[in-house]
Amino acid sequence: MSGSVPPADWEAQAQRALERGARMDAWIPAFLLDSPISRLGFAWATAVGMLWGAMWSTGRVERVGELLVFRGMPGWSYRRGGTCVGRCYLTGGNVSARVLAHEAVHVRQWRRYGMLMPVLYLLAGRNALRNRFEIEAGLVQGGYVPVRSARD
């Protein structure tokens, strides 16, 4: 999606996706969200992300806020411009301040949902303009919507 022109109604689509996500969250038992259970899943995901990053990163690894940024990853080892797994951001080199702010929101999402995150993300779909997790993290910050197309 990055670099393309979003449809004219992308904001309405995004709002509908957020509303769908809120309805879905209402069905999730409260003890699974922002809980010791979700934090355990978050820790597990972080361990998996660290292992994957350690195996394939050829670039600098650094801590940026809560993120552990693994650069120099081969393109096949992550999706889009980078992938957040727990608190690990796996990327080739897509590390602008804007993108890192976007990924920091994904860290909070991982902490809230734990190991429900990959399932819920999959259910939200691959289209970033309709994926509530990408919308919450910021479509402009993630590079899915050009700055000029966003109403600031």
C-alpha atoms as a PDB file:
ATOM      1  CA  MET A   1       0.000   0.000   0.000  1.00  0.00           C
ATOM      2  CA  SER A   2       2.851   2.330   0.777  1.00  0.00           C
ATOM      3  CA  GLY A   3       3.377   4.881  -1.951  1.00  0.00           C
ATOM      4  CA  SER A   4      -0.017   4.409  -3.577  1.00  0.00           C
ATOM      5  CA  VAL A   5      -2.946   6.799  -3.457  1.00  0.00           C
ATOM      6  CA  PRO A   6      -5.594   5.728  -0.938  1.00  0.00           C
ATOM      7  CA  PRO A   7      -9.252   5.601  -2.004  1.00  0.00           C
ATOM      8  CA  ALA A   8     -11.262   8.766  -1.448  1.00  0.00           C
ATOM      9  CA  ASP A   9     -13.249   7.156   1.372  1.00  0.00           C
ATOM     10  CA  TRP A  10     -10.258   5.746   3.285  1.00  0.00           C
ATOM     11  CA  GLU A  11     -11.123   7.692   6.431  1.00  0.00           C
ATOM     12  CA  ALA A  12     -14.658   6.269   6.514  1.00  0.00           C
ATOM     13  CA  GLN A  13     -13.273   2.769   5.913  1.00  0.00           C
ATOM     14  CA  ALA A  14     -10.810   3.277   8.746  1.00  0.00           C
ATOM     15  CA  GLN A  15     -13.533   4.437  11.121  1.00  0.00           C
ATOM     16  CA  ARG A  16     -15.656   1.374  10.310  1.00  0.00           C
ATOM     17  CA  ALA A  17     -12.666  -0.890  10.967  1.00  0.00           C
ATOM     18  CA  LEU A  18     -12.110   0.701  14.382  1.00  0.00           C
ATOM     19  CA  GLU A  19     -15.778   0.214  15.236  1.00  0.00           C
ATOM     20  CA  ARG A  20     -15.608  -3.463  14.166  1.00  0.00           C
ATOM     21  CA  GLY A  21     -12.547  -3.905  16.341  1.00  0.00           C
ATOM     22  CA  ALA A  22     -14.281  -2.402  19.365  1.00  0.00           C
ATOM     23  CA  ARG A  23     -17.226  -4.776  18.875  1.00  0.00           C
ATOM     24  CA  MET A  24     -14.814  -7.718  18.627  1.00  0.00           C
ATOM     25  CA  ASP A  25     -12.995  -6.650  21.798  1.00  0.00           C
ATOM     26  CA  ALA A  26     -16.310  -6.642  23.673  1.00  0.00           C
ATOM     27  CA  TRP A  27     -16.458 -10.437  23.164  1.00  0.00           C
ATOM     28  CA  ILE A  28     -12.983 -11.042  24.597  1.00  0.00           C
ATOM     29  CA  PRO A  29     -13.038 -11.937  28.312  1.00  0.00           C
ATOM     30  CA  ALA A  30     -11.642  -9.012  30.298  1.00  0.00           C
ATOM     31  CA  PHE A  31      -9.111 -11.190  32.152  1.00  0.00           C
ATOM     32  CA  LEU A  32      -7.286 -11.747  28.842  1.00  0.00           C
ATOM     33  CA  LEU A  33      -6.719  -8.045  28.092  1.00  0.00           C
ATOM     34  CA  ASP A  34      -4.090  -5.876  29.794  1.00  0.00           C
ATOM     35  CA  SER A  35      -3.578  -8.626  32.319  1.00  0.00           C
ATOM     36  CA  PRO A  36      -0.874 -10.924  33.641  1.00  0.00           C
ATOM     37  CA  ILE A  37      -2.002 -13.399  30.964  1.00  0.00           C
ATOM     38  CA  SER A  38      -1.573 -10.906  28.135  1.00  0.00           C
ATOM     39  CA  ARG A  39       1.775  -9.773  29.555  1.00  0.00           C
ATOM     40  CA  LEU A  40       2.971 -13.366  29.601  1.00  0.00           C
ATOM     41  CA  GLY A  41       2.023 -13.630  25.910  1.00  0.00           C
ATOM     42  CA  PHE A  42       3.769 -10.313  25.267  1.00  0.00           C
ATOM     43  CA  ALA A  43       6.933 -11.646  26.940  1.00  0.00           C
ATOM     44  CA  TRP A  44       6.761 -14.833  24.871  1.00  0.00           C
ATOM     45  CA  ALA A  45       6.288 -12.864  21.633  1.00  0.00           C
ATOM     46  CA  THR A  46       9.218 -10.627  22.575  1.00  0.00           C
ATOM     47  CA  ALA A  47      11.417 -13.685  23.159  1.00  0.00           C
ATOM     48  CA  VAL A  48      10.422 -15.084  19.751  1.00  0.00           C
ATOM     49  CA  GLY A  49      11.084 -11.697  18.120  1.00  0.00           C
ATOM     50  CA  MET A  50      14.493 -11.451  19.790  1.00  0.00           C
ATOM     51  CA  LEU A  51      15.429 -14.932  18.644  1.00  0.00           C
ATOM     52  CA  TRP A  52      14.295 -14.235  15.066  1.00  0.00           C
ATOM     53  CA  GLY A  53      16.071 -10.877  15.065  1.00  0.00           C
ATOM     54  CA  ALA A  54      19.266 -12.348  16.494  1.00  0.00           C
ATOM     55  CA  MET A  55      19.238 -15.070  13.840  1.00  0.00           C
ATOM     56  CA  TRP A  56      18.780 -12.812  10.813  1.00  0.00           C
ATOM     57  CA  SER A  57      19.743  -9.228  11.672  1.00  0.00           C
ATOM     58  CA  THR A  58      22.901  -8.085   9.918  1.00  0.00           C
ATOM     59  CA  GLY A  59      22.610  -4.459  10.967  1.00  0.00           C
ATOM     60  CA  ARG A  60      22.676  -2.474  14.131  1.00  0.00           C
ATOM     61  CA  VAL A  61      20.399  -3.601  16.977  1.00  0.00           C
ATOM     62  CA  GLU A  62      19.320  -0.829  19.308  1.00  0.00           C
ATOM     63  CA  ARG A  63      16.763   0.114  21.905  1.00  0.00           C
ATOM     64  CA  VAL A  64      14.523   3.028  20.966  1.00  0.00           C
ATOM     65  CA  GLY A  65      12.106   3.712  23.808  1.00  0.00           C
ATOM     66  CA  GLU A  66      10.373   0.377  24.411  1.00  0.00           C
ATOM     67  CA  LEU A  67      11.317  -0.966  20.990  1.00  0.00           C
ATOM     68  CA  LEU A  68      14.188  -3.290  20.289  1.00  0.00           C
ATOM     69  CA  VAL A  69      15.014  -2.454  16.678  1.00  0.00           C
ATOM     70  CA  PHE A  70      16.646  -5.172  14.584  1.00  0.00           C
ATOM     71  CA  ARG A  71      17.995  -3.678  11.338  1.00  0.00           C
ATOM     72  CA  GLY A  72      19.450  -5.409   8.332  1.00  0.00           C
ATOM     73  CA  MET A  73      16.886  -8.191   8.281  1.00  0.00           C
ATOM     74  CA  PRO A  74      16.514  -9.969   4.917  1.00  0.00           C
ATOM     75  CA  GLY A  75      13.310  -8.945   3.122  1.00  0.00           C
ATOM     76  CA  TRP A  76      11.731 -12.379   3.366  1.00  0.00           C
ATOM     77  CA  SER A  77      12.038 -12.390   7.181  1.00  0.00           C
ATOM     78  CA  TYR A  78       9.414  -9.679   7.808  1.00  0.00           C
ATOM     79  CA  ARG A  79       6.315  -8.210   6.143  1.00  0.00           C
ATOM     80  CA  ARG A  80       5.846  -4.792   4.554  1.00  0.00           C
ATOM     81  CA  GLY A  81       8.454  -2.280   5.774  1.00  0.00           C
ATOM     82  CA  GLY A  82       8.959  -4.135   9.027  1.00  0.00           C
ATOM     83  CA  THR A  83       7.177  -6.305  11.562  1.00  0.00           C
ATOM     84  CA  CYS A  84       6.593  -5.818  15.269  1.00  0.00           C
ATOM     85  CA  VAL A  85       6.699  -8.992  17.382  1.00  0.00           C
ATOM     86  CA  GLY A  86       6.235  -8.203  21.056  1.00  0.00           C
ATOM     87  CA  ARG A  87       8.590  -5.302  21.616  1.00  0.00           C
ATOM     88  CA  CYS A  88      10.888  -6.248  18.709  1.00  0.00           C
ATOM     89  CA  TYR A  89      10.746  -4.314  15.461  1.00  0.00           C
ATOM     90  CA  LEU A  90      12.247  -6.395  12.650  1.00  0.00           C
ATOM     91  CA  THR A  91      13.184  -4.442   9.509  1.00  0.00           C
ATOM     92  CA  GLY A  92      15.668  -3.997   6.754  1.00  0.00           C
ATOM     93  CA  GLY A  93      16.162  -0.333   7.550  1.00  0.00           C
ATOM     94  CA  ASN A  94      12.755   1.389   7.709  1.00  0.00           C
ATOM     95  CA  VAL A  95      13.512   3.326  10.899  1.00  0.00           C
ATOM     96  CA  SER A  96      12.361   6.929  10.565  1.00  0.00           C
ATOM     97  CA  ALA A  97      11.059   8.633  13.713  1.00  0.00           C
ATOM     98  CA  ARG A  98       7.558   8.500  12.247  1.00  0.00           C
ATOM     99  CA  VAL A  99       7.729   4.734  11.651  1.00  0.00           C
ATOM    100  CA  LEU A 100       9.217   4.068  15.086  1.00  0.00           C
ATOM    101  CA  ALA A 101       6.309   6.002  16.668  1.00  0.00           C
ATOM    102  CA  HIS A 102       3.929   3.773  14.673  1.00  0.00           C
ATOM    103  CA  GLU A 103       5.716   0.630  15.856  1.00  0.00           C
ATOM    104  CA  ALA A 104       5.644   1.827  19.481  1.00  0.00           C
ATOM    105  CA  VAL A 105       1.842   1.702  19.292  1.00  0.00           C
ATOM    106  CA  HIS A 106       2.093  -1.910  18.117  1.00  0.00           C
ATOM    107  CA  VAL A 107       4.155  -2.656  21.240  1.00  0.00           C
ATOM    108  CA  ARG A 108       1.278  -1.374  23.386  1.00  0.00           C
ATOM    109  CA  GLN A 109      -1.134  -3.488  21.332  1.00  0.00           C
ATOM    110  CA  TRP A 110       0.980  -6.586  21.902  1.00  0.00           C
ATOM    111  CA  ARG A 111       1.016  -5.857  25.638  1.00  0.00           C
ATOM    112  CA  ARG A 112      -2.798  -5.470  25.693  1.00  0.00           C
ATOM    113  CA  TYR A 113      -3.627  -8.574  23.647  1.00  0.00           C
ATOM    114  CA  GLY A 114      -0.653 -10.857  24.257  1.00  0.00           C
ATOM    115  CA  MET A 115      -0.799 -13.939  22.065  1.00  0.00           C
ATOM    116  CA  LEU A 116      -4.285 -12.976  20.880  1.00  0.00           C
ATOM    117  CA  MET A 117      -2.545 -10.262  18.850  1.00  0.00           C
ATOM    118  CA  PRO A 118      -1.480 -12.423  15.879  1.00  0.00           C
ATOM    119  CA  VAL A 119      -4.949 -14.004  15.646  1.00  0.00           C
ATOM    120  CA  LEU A 120      -6.765 -10.669  15.884  1.00  0.00           C
ATOM    121  CA  TYR A 121      -4.348  -9.056  13.445  1.00  0.00           C
ATOM    122  CA  LEU A 122      -4.966 -11.855  10.950  1.00  0.00           C
ATOM    123  CA  LEU A 123      -8.727 -11.434  11.348  1.00  0.00           C
ATOM    124  CA  ALA A 124      -8.347  -7.667  10.779  1.00  0.00           C
ATOM    125  CA  GLY A 125      -6.969  -8.387   7.303  1.00  0.00           C
ATOM    126  CA  ARG A 126      -3.973  -7.480   5.179  1.00  0.00           C
ATOM    127  CA  ASN A 127      -5.383  -4.189   3.884  1.00  0.00           C
ATOM    128  CA  ALA A 128      -3.870  -1.598   6.219  1.00  0.00           C
ATOM    129  CA  LEU A 129      -6.683   0.856   5.507  1.00  0.00           C
ATOM    130  CA  ARG A 130      -9.115  -1.662   7.019  1.00  0.00           C
ATOM    131  CA  ASN A 131      -6.849  -3.192   9.658  1.00  0.00           C
ATOM    132  CA  ARG A 132      -7.713  -1.675  13.016  1.00  0.00           C
ATOM    133  CA  PHE A 133      -4.243  -2.272  14.432  1.00  0.00           C
ATOM    134  CA  GLU A 134      -2.576  -0.329  11.617  1.00  0.00           C
ATOM    135  CA  ILE A 135      -5.213   2.397  11.862  1.00  0.00           C
ATOM    136  CA  GLU A 136      -4.691   2.730  15.634  1.00  0.00           C
ATOM    137  CA  ALA A 137      -0.921   2.890  15.108  1.00  0.00           C
ATOM    138  CA  GLY A 138      -1.364   5.668  12.528  1.00  0.00           C
ATOM    139  CA  LEU A 139      -1.678   5.147   8.812  1.00  0.00           C
ATOM    140  CA  VAL A 140       0.440   8.213   8.022  1.00  0.00           C
ATOM    141  CA  GLN A 141       3.149   7.201  10.498  1.00  0.00           C
ATOM    142  CA  GLY A 142       3.197   3.674   9.068  1.00  0.00           C
ATOM    143  CA  GLY A 143       3.541   5.008   5.521  1.00  0.00           C
ATOM    144  CA  TYR A 144       0.185   3.635   4.369  1.00  0.00           C
ATOM    145  CA  VAL A 145      -1.312   7.063   3.649  1.00  0.00           C
ATOM    146  CA  PRO A 146       0.747   9.932   2.260  1.00  0.00           C
ATOM    147  CA  VAL A 147       0.912  12.968   4.529  1.00  0.00           C
ATOM    148  CA  ARG A 148      -0.815  15.083   1.899  1.00  0.00           C
ATOM    149  CA  SER A 149      -3.809  12.688   1.909  1.00  0.00           C
ATOM    150  CA  ALA A 150      -4.298  12.897   5.648  1.00  0.00           C
ATOM    151  CA  ARG A 151      -6.313  15.575   7.365  1.00  0.00           C
ATOM    152  CA  ASP A 152      -4.085  16.899  10.150  1.00  0.00           C
END
